[in-house]
Amino acid sequence: MKKFLLALVLFAASAATAFAAQNPWVGRWKPDAAKSNFVEVEDTLIISSPAAGVLRWEYPAIKFKMQGNPDGSNMILSYPNMPTDLTESVTMLTPTKLMYLVKVDG
């Protein structure tokens, strides 16, 4: 679980400009083992912005979804066998930089 969460953090950082008018980050992302020494999820990550101010991360093969406003509040998570005390948040620090937190039991 920790490896998956770390992989998600690395991919989430690439979505930093998700609210730009022409967003080059929103789309389908494949892990690149040649450029990373940590590739836990060998599936395409889909980053989207389904509404103004909202980001969504999805790994379809493992049925992971996370969605919310990157303002530091907890995101809505959906993941099979997810611990009940798991929370995640994203804060947009600048248009090109995110801070991502994974919390277990606070």
PDB file of N, CA and C in Angstrom:
ATOM      1  N   MET A   1       0.821  -1.188   0.000  1.00  0.00           N
ATOM      2  CA  MET A   1       0.000   0.000   0.000  1.00  0.00           C
ATOM      3  C   MET A   1       0.869   1.258   0.000  1.00  0.00           C
ATOM      4  N   LYS A   2       1.955   1.258   0.788  1.00  0.00           N
ATOM      5  CA  LYS A   2       2.822   2.433   0.841  1.00  0.00           C
ATOM      6  C   LYS A   2       3.471   2.698  -0.508  1.00  0.00           C
ATOM      7  N   LYS A   3       3.880   1.628  -1.216  1.00  0.00           N
ATOM      8  CA  LYS A   3       4.500   1.805  -2.530  1.00  0.00           C
ATOM      9  C   LYS A   3       3.504   2.409  -3.511  1.00  0.00           C
ATOM     10  N   PHE A   4       2.263   1.928  -3.469  1.00  0.00           N
ATOM     11  CA  PHE A   4       1.236   2.481  -4.346  1.00  0.00           C
ATOM     12  C   PHE A   4       1.030   3.964  -4.065  1.00  0.00           C
ATOM     13  N   LEU A   5       0.946   4.325  -2.804  1.00  0.00           N
ATOM     14  CA  LEU A   5       0.721   5.720  -2.449  1.00  0.00           C
ATOM     15  C   LEU A   5       1.879   6.606  -2.880  1.00  0.00           C
ATOM     16  N   LEU A   6       3.107   6.106  -2.756  1.00  0.00           N
ATOM     17  CA  LEU A   6       4.253   6.875  -3.222  1.00  0.00           C
ATOM     18  C   LEU A   6       4.196   7.069  -4.732  1.00  0.00           C
ATOM     19  N   ALA A   7       3.823   6.029  -5.451  1.00  0.00           N
ATOM     20  CA  ALA A   7       3.696   6.147  -6.909  1.00  0.00           C
ATOM     21  C   ALA A   7       2.643   7.183  -7.261  1.00  0.00           C
ATOM     22  N   LEU A   8       1.553   7.187  -6.529  1.00  0.00           N
ATOM     23  CA  LEU A   8       0.498   8.153  -6.774  1.00  0.00           C
ATOM     24  C   LEU A   8       0.984   9.580  -6.528  1.00  0.00           C
ATOM     25  N   VAL A   9       1.770   9.775  -5.491  1.00  0.00           N
ATOM     26  CA  VAL A   9       2.339  11.094  -5.202  1.00  0.00           C
ATOM     27  C   VAL A   9       3.186  11.570  -6.377  1.00  0.00           C
ATOM     28  N   LEU A  10       4.015  10.689  -6.907  1.00  0.00           N
ATOM     29  CA  LEU A  10       4.878  11.065  -8.024  1.00  0.00           C
ATOM     30  C   LEU A  10       4.069  11.442  -9.259  1.00  0.00           C
ATOM     31  N   PHE A  11       3.023  10.672  -9.539  1.00  0.00           N
ATOM     32  CA  PHE A  11       2.191  10.995 -10.685  1.00  0.00           C
ATOM     33  C   PHE A  11       1.362  12.245 -10.443  1.00  0.00           C
ATOM     34  N   ALA A  12       0.876  12.445  -9.241  1.00  0.00           N
ATOM     35  CA  ALA A  12       0.043  13.606  -8.929  1.00  0.00           C
ATOM     36  C   ALA A  12       0.802  14.905  -9.141  1.00  0.00           C
ATOM     37  N   ALA A  13       2.084  14.896  -8.900  1.00  0.00           N
ATOM     38  CA  ALA A  13       2.894  16.105  -9.076  1.00  0.00           C
ATOM     39  C   ALA A  13       2.860  16.586 -10.519  1.00  0.00           C
ATOM     40  N   SER A  14       2.663  15.680 -11.456  1.00  0.00           N
ATOM     41  CA  SER A  14       2.624  16.068 -12.862  1.00  0.00           C
ATOM     42  C   SER A  14       1.342  16.797 -13.240  1.00  0.00           C
ATOM     43  N   ALA A  15       0.356  16.828 -12.364  1.00  0.00           N
ATOM     44  CA  ALA A  15      -0.927  17.471 -12.653  1.00  0.00           C
ATOM     45  C   ALA A  15      -0.991  18.907 -12.153  1.00  0.00           C
ATOM     46  N   ALA A  16       0.119  19.501 -11.859  1.00  0.00           N
ATOM     47  CA  ALA A  16       0.155  20.798 -11.200  1.00  0.00           C
ATOM     48  C   ALA A  16      -0.576  21.912 -11.930  1.00  0.00           C
ATOM     49  N   THR A  17      -0.607  21.889 -13.233  1.00  0.00           N
ATOM     50  CA  THR A  17      -1.255  22.969 -13.971  1.00  0.00           C
ATOM     51  C   THR A  17      -2.641  22.578 -14.461  1.00  0.00           C
ATOM     52  N   ALA A  18      -3.331  21.755 -13.704  1.00  0.00           N
ATOM     53  CA  ALA A  18      -4.606  21.195 -14.146  1.00  0.00           C
ATOM     54  C   ALA A  18      -5.685  22.231 -14.411  1.00  0.00           C
ATOM     55  N   PHE A  19      -5.516  23.452 -13.971  1.00  0.00           N
ATOM     56  CA  PHE A  19      -6.574  24.428 -14.157  1.00  0.00           C
ATOM     57  C   PHE A  19      -6.245  25.466 -15.238  1.00  0.00           C
ATOM     58  N   ALA A  20      -5.174  25.264 -15.976  1.00  0.00           N
ATOM     59  CA  ALA A  20      -4.846  26.180 -17.072  1.00  0.00           C
ATOM     60  C   ALA A  20      -5.849  25.987 -18.203  1.00  0.00           C
ATOM     61  N   ALA A  21      -6.070  27.040 -18.986  1.00  0.00           N
ATOM     62  CA  ALA A  21      -7.042  26.966 -20.076  1.00  0.00           C
ATOM     63  C   ALA A  21      -6.692  25.849 -21.054  1.00  0.00           C
ATOM     64  N   GLN A  22      -5.459  25.752 -21.463  1.00  0.00           N
ATOM     65  CA  GLN A  22      -4.987  24.691 -22.337  1.00  0.00           C
ATOM     66  C   GLN A  22      -4.037  23.851 -21.500  1.00  0.00           C
ATOM     67  N   ASN A  23      -4.536  22.784 -20.927  1.00  0.00           N
ATOM     68  CA  ASN A  23      -3.777  22.022 -19.944  1.00  0.00           C
ATOM     69  C   ASN A  23      -3.059  20.831 -20.571  1.00  0.00           C
ATOM     70  N   PRO A  24      -1.727  20.885 -20.661  1.00  0.00           N
ATOM     71  CA  PRO A  24      -0.988  19.759 -21.242  1.00  0.00           C
ATOM     72  C   PRO A  24      -0.872  18.569 -20.298  1.00  0.00           C
ATOM     73  N   TRP A  25      -1.247  18.722 -19.034  1.00  0.00           N
ATOM     74  CA  TRP A  25      -1.107  17.640 -18.055  1.00  0.00           C
ATOM     75  C   TRP A  25      -2.312  16.729 -18.000  1.00  0.00           C
ATOM     76  N   VAL A  26      -3.469  17.254 -18.298  1.00  0.00           N
ATOM     77  CA  VAL A  26      -4.678  16.436 -18.265  1.00  0.00           C
ATOM     78  C   VAL A  26      -4.617  15.446 -19.416  1.00  0.00           C
ATOM     79  N   GLY A  27      -4.776  14.175 -19.091  1.00  0.00           N
ATOM     80  CA  GLY A  27      -4.722  13.145 -20.121  1.00  0.00           C
ATOM     81  C   GLY A  27      -4.346  11.803 -19.526  1.00  0.00           C
ATOM     82  N   ARG A  28      -3.807  10.938 -20.369  1.00  0.00           N
ATOM     83  CA  ARG A  28      -3.432   9.585 -19.971  1.00  0.00           C
ATOM     84  C   ARG A  28      -1.915   9.518 -19.834  1.00  0.00           C
ATOM     85  N   TRP A  29      -1.450   8.990 -18.705  1.00  0.00           N
ATOM     86  CA  TRP A  29      -0.025   8.916 -18.391  1.00  0.00           C
ATOM     87  C   TRP A  29       0.381   7.474 -18.140  1.00  0.00           C
ATOM     88  N   LYS A  30       1.452   7.048 -18.791  1.00  0.00           N
ATOM     89  CA  LYS A  30       1.969   5.695 -18.578  1.00  0.00           C
ATOM     90  C   LYS A  30       3.268   5.786 -17.791  1.00  0.00           C
ATOM     91  N   PRO A  31       3.486   4.867 -16.838  1.00  0.00           N
ATOM     92  CA  PRO A  31       4.752   4.883 -16.088  1.00  0.00           C
ATOM     93  C   PRO A  31       5.928   4.585 -17.010  1.00  0.00           C
ATOM     94  N   ASP A  32       7.048   5.201 -16.745  1.00  0.00           N
ATOM     95  CA  ASP A  32       8.256   5.019 -17.548  1.00  0.00           C
ATOM     96  C   ASP A  32       9.373   4.506 -16.644  1.00  0.00           C
ATOM     97  N   ALA A  33       9.566   3.190 -16.653  1.00  0.00           N
ATOM     98  CA  ALA A  33      10.586   2.576 -15.788  1.00  0.00           C
ATOM     99  C   ALA A  33      11.992   3.071 -16.121  1.00  0.00           C
ATOM    100  N   ALA A  34      12.221   3.508 -17.342  1.00  0.00           N
ATOM    101  CA  ALA A  34      13.541   4.014 -17.729  1.00  0.00           C
ATOM    102  C   ALA A  34      13.854   5.347 -17.060  1.00  0.00           C
ATOM    103  N   LYS A  35      12.830   6.103 -16.685  1.00  0.00           N
ATOM    104  CA  LYS A  35      13.036   7.410 -16.070  1.00  0.00           C
ATOM    105  C   LYS A  35      12.753   7.419 -14.575  1.00  0.00           C
ATOM    106  N   SER A  36      12.328   6.296 -14.039  1.00  0.00           N
ATOM    107  CA  SER A  36      11.986   6.232 -12.629  1.00  0.00           C
ATOM    108  C   SER A  36      12.496   4.938 -12.027  1.00  0.00           C
ATOM    109  N   ASN A  37      12.986   5.016 -10.812  1.00  0.00           N
ATOM    110  CA  ASN A  37      13.409   3.797 -10.130  1.00  0.00           C
ATOM    111  C   ASN A  37      12.273   3.255  -9.268  1.00  0.00           C
ATOM    112  N   PHE A  38      11.090   3.850  -9.394  1.00  0.00           N
ATOM    113  CA  PHE A  38       9.949   3.398  -8.620  1.00  0.00           C
ATOM    114  C   PHE A  38       8.705   3.410  -9.500  1.00  0.00           C
ATOM    115  N   VAL A  39       8.305   2.240  -9.981  1.00  0.00           N
ATOM    116  CA  VAL A  39       7.075   2.112 -10.754  1.00  0.00           C
ATOM    117  C   VAL A  39       6.289   0.975 -10.129  1.00  0.00           C
ATOM    118  N   GLU A  40       5.333   1.328  -9.287  1.00  0.00           N
ATOM    119  CA  GLU A  40       4.521   0.337  -8.576  1.00  0.00           C
ATOM    120  C   GLU A  40       3.302  -0.074  -9.396  1.00  0.00           C
ATOM    121  N   VAL A  41       2.616   0.889  -9.988  1.00  0.00           N
ATOM    122  CA  VAL A  41       1.415   0.618 -10.751  1.00  0.00           C
ATOM    123  C   VAL A  41       1.769   0.645 -12.226  1.00  0.00           C
ATOM    124  N   GLU A  42       1.663  -0.494 -12.871  1.00  0.00           N
ATOM    125  CA  GLU A  42       2.021  -0.585 -14.291  1.00  0.00           C
ATOM    126  C   GLU A  42       0.796  -0.360 -15.164  1.00  0.00           C
ATOM    127  N   ASP A  43       0.008   0.631 -14.813  1.00  0.00           N
ATOM    128  CA  ASP A  43      -1.220   0.953 -15.517  1.00  0.00           C
ATOM    129  C   ASP A  43      -1.202   2.431 -15.871  1.00  0.00           C
ATOM    130  N   THR A  44      -2.025   2.802 -16.827  1.00  0.00           N
ATOM    131  CA  THR A  44      -2.160   4.190 -17.216  1.00  0.00           C
ATOM    132  C   THR A  44      -2.876   4.978 -16.118  1.00  0.00           C
ATOM    133  N   LEU A  45      -2.322   6.132 -15.784  1.00  0.00           N
ATOM    134  CA  LEU A  45      -2.965   7.068 -14.867  1.00  0.00           C
ATOM    135  C   LEU A  45      -3.741   8.060 -15.723  1.00  0.00           C
ATOM    136  N   ILE A  46      -4.986   8.295 -15.381  1.00  0.00           N
ATOM    137  CA  ILE A  46      -5.800   9.274 -16.094  1.00  0.00           C
ATOM    138  C   ILE A  46      -5.999  10.462 -15.166  1.00  0.00           C
ATOM    139  N   ILE A  47      -5.560  11.634 -15.622  1.00  0.00           N
ATOM    140  CA  ILE A  47      -5.743  12.866 -14.865  1.00  0.00           C
ATOM    141  C   ILE A  47      -6.749  13.713 -15.634  1.00  0.00           C
ATOM    142  N   SER A  48      -7.773  14.172 -14.929  1.00  0.00           N
ATOM    143  CA  SER A  48      -8.784  14.999 -15.584  1.00  0.00           C
ATOM    144  C   SER A  48      -9.229  16.117 -14.642  1.00  0.00           C
ATOM    145  N   SER A  49      -9.966  17.045 -15.204  1.00  0.00           N
ATOM    146  CA  SER A  49     -10.565  18.126 -14.424  1.00  0.00           C
ATOM    147  C   SER A  49     -12.043  18.159 -14.805  1.00  0.00           C
ATOM    148  N   PRO A  50     -12.881  17.349 -14.113  1.00  0.00           N
ATOM    149  CA  PRO A  50     -14.281  17.222 -14.508  1.00  0.00           C
ATOM    150  C   PRO A  50     -15.141  18.459 -14.259  1.00  0.00           C
ATOM    151  N   ALA A  51     -14.647  19.385 -13.431  1.00  0.00           N
ATOM    152  CA  ALA A  51     -15.366  20.633 -13.157  1.00  0.00           C
ATOM    153  C   ALA A  51     -14.343  21.690 -12.756  1.00  0.00           C
ATOM    154  N   ALA A  52     -14.737  22.927 -12.813  1.00  0.00           N
ATOM    155  CA  ALA A  52     -13.832  24.012 -12.441  1.00  0.00           C
ATOM    156  C   ALA A  52     -13.343  23.812 -11.012  1.00  0.00           C
ATOM    157  N   GLY A  53     -12.030  23.855 -10.817  1.00  0.00           N
ATOM    158  CA  GLY A  53     -11.446  23.728  -9.488  1.00  0.00           C
ATOM    159  C   GLY A  53     -11.343  22.310  -8.961  1.00  0.00           C
ATOM    160  N   VAL A  54     -11.653  21.313  -9.777  1.00  0.00           N
ATOM    161  CA  VAL A  54     -11.648  19.915  -9.339  1.00  0.00           C
ATOM    162  C   VAL A  54     -10.651  19.118 -10.166  1.00  0.00           C
ATOM    163  N   LEU A  55      -9.881  18.262  -9.489  1.00  0.00           N
ATOM    164  CA  LEU A  55      -8.981  17.334 -10.165  1.00  0.00           C
ATOM    165  C   LEU A  55      -9.415  15.904  -9.865  1.00  0.00           C
ATOM    166  N   ARG A  56      -9.193  15.014 -10.827  1.00  0.00           N
ATOM    167  CA  ARG A  56      -9.491  13.591 -10.635  1.00  0.00           C
ATOM    168  C   ARG A  56      -8.307  12.769 -11.140  1.00  0.00           C
ATOM    169  N   TRP A  57      -7.867  11.799 -10.312  1.00  0.00           N
ATOM    170  CA  TRP A  57      -6.827  10.837 -10.662  1.00  0.00           C
ATOM    171  C   TRP A  57      -7.486   9.465 -10.706  1.00  0.00           C
ATOM    172  N   GLU A  58      -7.221   8.679 -11.754  1.00  0.00           N
ATOM    173  CA  GLU A  58      -7.800   7.346 -11.869  1.00  0.00           C
ATOM    174  C   GLU A  58      -6.768   6.347 -12.385  1.00  0.00           C
ATOM    175  N   TYR A  59      -6.711   5.186 -11.733  1.00  0.00           N
ATOM    176  CA  TYR A  59      -5.981   4.022 -12.221  1.00  0.00           C
ATOM    177  C   TYR A  59      -7.041   2.948 -12.474  1.00  0.00           C
ATOM    178  N   PRO A  60      -7.569   2.834 -13.698  1.00  0.00           N
ATOM    179  CA  PRO A  60      -8.660   1.896 -13.959  1.00  0.00           C
ATOM    180  C   PRO A  60      -8.350   0.439 -13.611  1.00  0.00           C
ATOM    181  N   ALA A  61      -7.160  -0.048 -13.874  1.00  0.00           N
ATOM    182  CA  ALA A  61      -6.839  -1.456 -13.651  1.00  0.00           C
ATOM    183  C   ALA A  61      -6.921  -1.860 -12.182  1.00  0.00           C
ATOM    184  N   ILE A  62      -6.649  -0.919 -11.275  1.00  0.00           N
ATOM    185  CA  ILE A  62      -6.721  -1.265  -9.849  1.00  0.00           C
ATOM    186  C   ILE A  62      -7.928  -0.611  -9.168  1.00  0.00           C
ATOM    187  N   LYS A  63      -8.793  -0.013  -9.983  1.00  0.00           N
ATOM    188  CA  LYS A  63     -10.039   0.588  -9.507  1.00  0.00           C
ATOM    189  C   LYS A  63      -9.817   1.684  -8.469  1.00  0.00           C
ATOM    190  N   PHE A  64      -8.769   2.488  -8.670  1.00  0.00           N
ATOM    191  CA  PHE A  64      -8.478   3.613  -7.782  1.00  0.00           C
ATOM    192  C   PHE A  64      -9.015   4.896  -8.404  1.00  0.00           C
ATOM    193  N   LYS A  65      -9.719   5.697  -7.587  1.00  0.00           N
ATOM    194  CA  LYS A  65     -10.170   7.026  -7.999  1.00  0.00           C
ATOM    195  C   LYS A  65      -9.986   7.975  -6.833  1.00  0.00           C
ATOM    196  N   MET A  66      -9.541   9.180  -7.151  1.00  0.00           N
ATOM    197  CA  MET A  66      -9.409  10.238  -6.149  1.00  0.00           C
ATOM    198  C   MET A  66      -9.853  11.527  -6.818  1.00  0.00           C
ATOM    199  N   GLN A  67     -10.674  12.298  -6.131  1.00  0.00           N
ATOM    200  CA  GLN A  67     -11.184  13.528  -6.720  1.00  0.00           C
ATOM    201  C   GLN A  67     -11.427  14.568  -5.651  1.00  0.00           C
ATOM    202  N   GLY A  68     -11.140  15.823  -5.998  1.00  0.00           N
ATOM    203  CA  GLY A  68     -11.441  16.913  -5.086  1.00  0.00           C
ATOM    204  C   GLY A  68     -10.776  18.201  -5.497  1.00  0.00           C
ATOM    205  N   ASN A  69     -10.931  19.192  -4.656  1.00  0.00           N
ATOM    206  CA  ASN A  69     -10.346  20.504  -4.869  1.00  0.00           C
ATOM    207  C   ASN A  69      -8.951  20.519  -4.249  1.00  0.00           C
ATOM    208  N   PRO A  70      -7.929  20.955  -4.981  1.00  0.00           N
ATOM    209  CA  PRO A  70      -6.572  20.973  -4.423  1.00  0.00           C
ATOM    210  C   PRO A  70      -6.335  22.171  -3.499  1.00  0.00           C
ATOM    211  N   ASP A  71      -7.142  22.255  -2.446  1.00  0.00           N
ATOM    212  CA  ASP A  71      -7.038  23.355  -1.492  1.00  0.00           C
ATOM    213  C   ASP A  71      -6.587  22.879  -0.113  1.00  0.00           C
ATOM    214  N   GLY A  72      -6.118  21.623  -0.037  1.00  0.00           N
ATOM    215  CA  GLY A  72      -5.668  21.073   1.232  1.00  0.00           C
ATOM    216  C   GLY A  72      -6.723  20.276   1.971  1.00  0.00           C
ATOM    217  N   SER A  73      -7.964  20.312   1.482  1.00  0.00           N
ATOM    218  CA  SER A  73      -9.013  19.509   2.121  1.00  0.00           C
ATOM    219  C   SER A  73      -8.900  18.059   1.651  1.00  0.00           C
ATOM    220  N   ASN A  74      -9.517  17.159   2.402  1.00  0.00           N
ATOM    221  CA  ASN A  74      -9.454  15.743   2.046  1.00  0.00           C
ATOM    222  C   ASN A  74     -10.153  15.485   0.722  1.00  0.00           C
ATOM    223  N   MET A  75      -9.546  14.619  -0.080  1.00  0.00           N
ATOM    224  CA  MET A  75     -10.108  14.217  -1.359  1.00  0.00           C
ATOM    225  C   MET A  75     -11.104  13.082  -1.151  1.00  0.00           C
ATOM    226  N   ILE A  76     -11.975  12.876  -2.119  1.00  0.00           N
ATOM    227  CA  ILE A  76     -12.882  11.735  -2.126  1.00  0.00           C
ATOM    228  C   ILE A  76     -12.115  10.571  -2.733  1.00  0.00           C
ATOM    229  N   LEU A  77     -12.019   9.451  -2.010  1.00  0.00           N
ATOM    230  CA  LEU A  77     -11.251   8.289  -2.448  1.00  0.00           C
ATOM    231  C   LEU A  77     -12.149   7.092  -2.693  1.00  0.00           C
ATOM    232  N   SER A  78     -11.778   6.310  -3.687  1.00  0.00           N
ATOM    233  CA  SER A  78     -12.439   5.041  -3.950  1.00  0.00           C
ATOM    234  C   SER A  78     -11.349   4.060  -4.348  1.00  0.00           C
ATOM    235  N   TYR A  79     -11.215   2.989  -3.557  1.00  0.00           N
ATOM    236  CA  TYR A  79     -10.160   2.013  -3.792  1.00  0.00           C
ATOM    237  C   TYR A  79     -10.550   0.718  -3.087  1.00  0.00           C
ATOM    238  N   PRO A  80     -10.570  -0.434  -3.789  1.00  0.00           N
ATOM    239  CA  PRO A  80     -10.932  -1.688  -3.130  1.00  0.00           C
ATOM    240  C   PRO A  80     -10.028  -1.966  -1.925  1.00  0.00           C
ATOM    241  N   ASN A  81     -10.618  -2.440  -0.862  1.00  0.00           N
ATOM    242  CA  ASN A  81      -9.892  -2.784   0.367  1.00  0.00           C
ATOM    243  C   ASN A  81      -9.140  -1.598   0.968  1.00  0.00           C
ATOM    244  N   MET A  82      -9.619  -0.392   0.729  1.00  0.00           N
ATOM    245  CA  MET A  82      -8.981   0.807   1.261  1.00  0.00           C
ATOM    246  C   MET A  82      -9.152   0.846   2.781  1.00  0.00           C
ATOM    247  N   PRO A  83      -8.088   1.135   3.523  1.00  0.00           N
ATOM    248  CA  PRO A  83      -8.224   1.284   4.974  1.00  0.00           C
ATOM    249  C   PRO A  83      -9.241   2.375   5.304  1.00  0.00           C
ATOM    250  N   THR A  84     -10.055   2.165   6.300  1.00  0.00           N
ATOM    251  CA  THR A  84     -11.090   3.142   6.648  1.00  0.00           C
ATOM    252  C   THR A  84     -10.508   4.438   7.193  1.00  0.00           C
ATOM    253  N   ASP A  85      -9.270   4.403   7.677  1.00  0.00           N
ATOM    254  CA  ASP A  85      -8.666   5.605   8.257  1.00  0.00           C
ATOM    255  C   ASP A  85      -7.699   6.309   7.290  1.00  0.00           C
ATOM    256  N   LEU A  86      -7.775   5.993   6.004  1.00  0.00           N
ATOM    257  CA  LEU A  86      -6.905   6.609   4.996  1.00  0.00           C
ATOM    258  C   LEU A  86      -7.536   7.890   4.470  1.00  0.00           C
ATOM    259  N   THR A  87      -6.781   8.975   4.482  1.00  0.00           N
ATOM    260  CA  THR A  87      -7.207  10.231   3.869  1.00  0.00           C
ATOM    261  C   THR A  87      -6.057  10.786   3.037  1.00  0.00           C
ATOM    262  N   GLU A  88      -6.398  11.512   2.001  1.00  0.00           N
ATOM    263  CA  GLU A  88      -5.391  12.126   1.139  1.00  0.00           C
ATOM    264  C   GLU A  88      -5.846  13.531   0.798  1.00  0.00           C
ATOM    265  N   SER A  89      -4.871  14.433   0.670  1.00  0.00           N
ATOM    266  CA  SER A  89      -5.179  15.808   0.296  1.00  0.00           C
ATOM    267  C   SER A  89      -4.106  16.334  -0.642  1.00  0.00           C
ATOM    268  N   VAL A  90      -4.502  17.312  -1.439  1.00  0.00           N
ATOM    269  CA  VAL A  90      -3.599  17.966  -2.377  1.00  0.00           C
ATOM    270  C   VAL A  90      -3.777  19.469  -2.200  1.00  0.00           C
ATOM    271  N   THR A  91      -2.668  20.187  -2.131  1.00  0.00           N
ATOM    272  CA  THR A  91      -2.703  21.645  -2.049  1.00  0.00           C
ATOM    273  C   THR A  91      -1.947  22.220  -3.237  1.00  0.00           C
ATOM    274  N   MET A  92      -2.597  23.105  -3.985  1.00  0.00           N
ATOM    275  CA  MET A  92      -1.955  23.773  -5.109  1.00  0.00           C
ATOM    276  C   MET A  92      -1.130  24.922  -4.532  1.00  0.00           C
ATOM    277  N   LEU A  93       0.207  24.775  -4.545  1.00  0.00           N
ATOM    278  CA  LEU A  93       1.091  25.802  -4.000  1.00  0.00           C
ATOM    279  C   LEU A  93       1.333  26.916  -5.006  1.00  0.00           C
ATOM    280  N   THR A  94       1.539  26.554  -6.251  1.00  0.00           N
ATOM    281  CA  THR A  94       1.689  27.484  -7.369  1.00  0.00           C
ATOM    282  C   THR A  94       1.038  26.807  -8.576  1.00  0.00           C
ATOM    283  N   PRO A  95       0.903  27.489  -9.695  1.00  0.00           N
ATOM    284  CA  PRO A  95       0.324  26.823 -10.865  1.00  0.00           C
ATOM    285  C   PRO A  95       1.125  25.596 -11.348  1.00  0.00           C
ATOM    286  N   THR A  96       2.360  25.463 -10.898  1.00  0.00           N
ATOM    287  CA  THR A  96       3.182  24.332 -11.346  1.00  0.00           C
ATOM    288  C   THR A  96       3.696  23.467 -10.201  1.00  0.00           C
ATOM    289  N   LYS A  97       3.123  23.639  -9.000  1.00  0.00           N
ATOM    290  CA  LYS A  97       3.623  22.864  -7.864  1.00  0.00           C
ATOM    291  C   LYS A  97       2.479  22.477  -6.931  1.00  0.00           C
ATOM    292  N   LEU A  98       2.416  21.152  -6.631  1.00  0.00           N
ATOM    293  CA  LEU A  98       1.431  20.618  -5.699  1.00  0.00           C
ATOM    294  C   LEU A  98       2.111  20.074  -4.455  1.00  0.00           C
ATOM    295  N   MET A  99       1.424  20.146  -3.325  1.00  0.00           N
ATOM    296  CA  MET A  99       1.856  19.446  -2.123  1.00  0.00           C
ATOM    297  C   MET A  99       0.815  18.365  -1.881  1.00  0.00           C
ATOM    298  N   TYR A 100       1.268  17.144  -1.686  1.00  0.00           N
ATOM    299  CA  TYR A 100       0.393  15.991  -1.590  1.00  0.00           C
ATOM    300  C   TYR A 100       0.621  15.295  -0.261  1.00  0.00           C
ATOM    301  N   LEU A 101      -0.450  15.033   0.497  1.00  0.00           N
ATOM    302  CA  LEU A 101      -0.332  14.372   1.803  1.00  0.00           C
ATOM    303  C   LEU A 101      -1.186  13.101   1.839  1.00  0.00           C
ATOM    304  N   VAL A 102      -0.600  12.039   2.354  1.00  0.00           N
ATOM    305  CA  VAL A 102      -1.309  10.783   2.596  1.00  0.00           C
ATOM    306  C   VAL A 102      -1.293  10.564   4.097  1.00  0.00           C
ATOM    307  N   LYS A 103      -2.480  10.378   4.682  1.00  0.00           N
ATOM    308  CA  LYS A 103      -2.564  10.204   6.132  1.00  0.00           C
ATOM    309  C   LYS A 103      -3.307   8.904   6.457  1.00  0.00           C
ATOM    310  N   VAL A 104      -2.775   8.185   7.406  1.00  0.00           N
ATOM    311  CA  VAL A 104      -3.430   6.998   7.933  1.00  0.00           C
ATOM    312  C   VAL A 104      -3.670   7.248   9.419  1.00  0.00           C
ATOM    313  N   ASP A 105      -4.906   7.189   9.827  1.00  0.00           N
ATOM    314  CA  ASP A 105      -5.292   7.467  11.198  1.00  0.00           C
ATOM    315  C   ASP A 105      -4.833   8.861  11.634  1.00  0.00           C
ATOM    316  N   GLY A 106      -5.089   9.824  10.772  1.00  0.00           N
ATOM    317  CA  GLY A 106      -4.749  11.210  11.061  1.00  0.00           C
ATOM    318  C   GLY A 106      -3.331  11.553  10.768  1.00  0.00           C
TER     319      GLY A 106
END
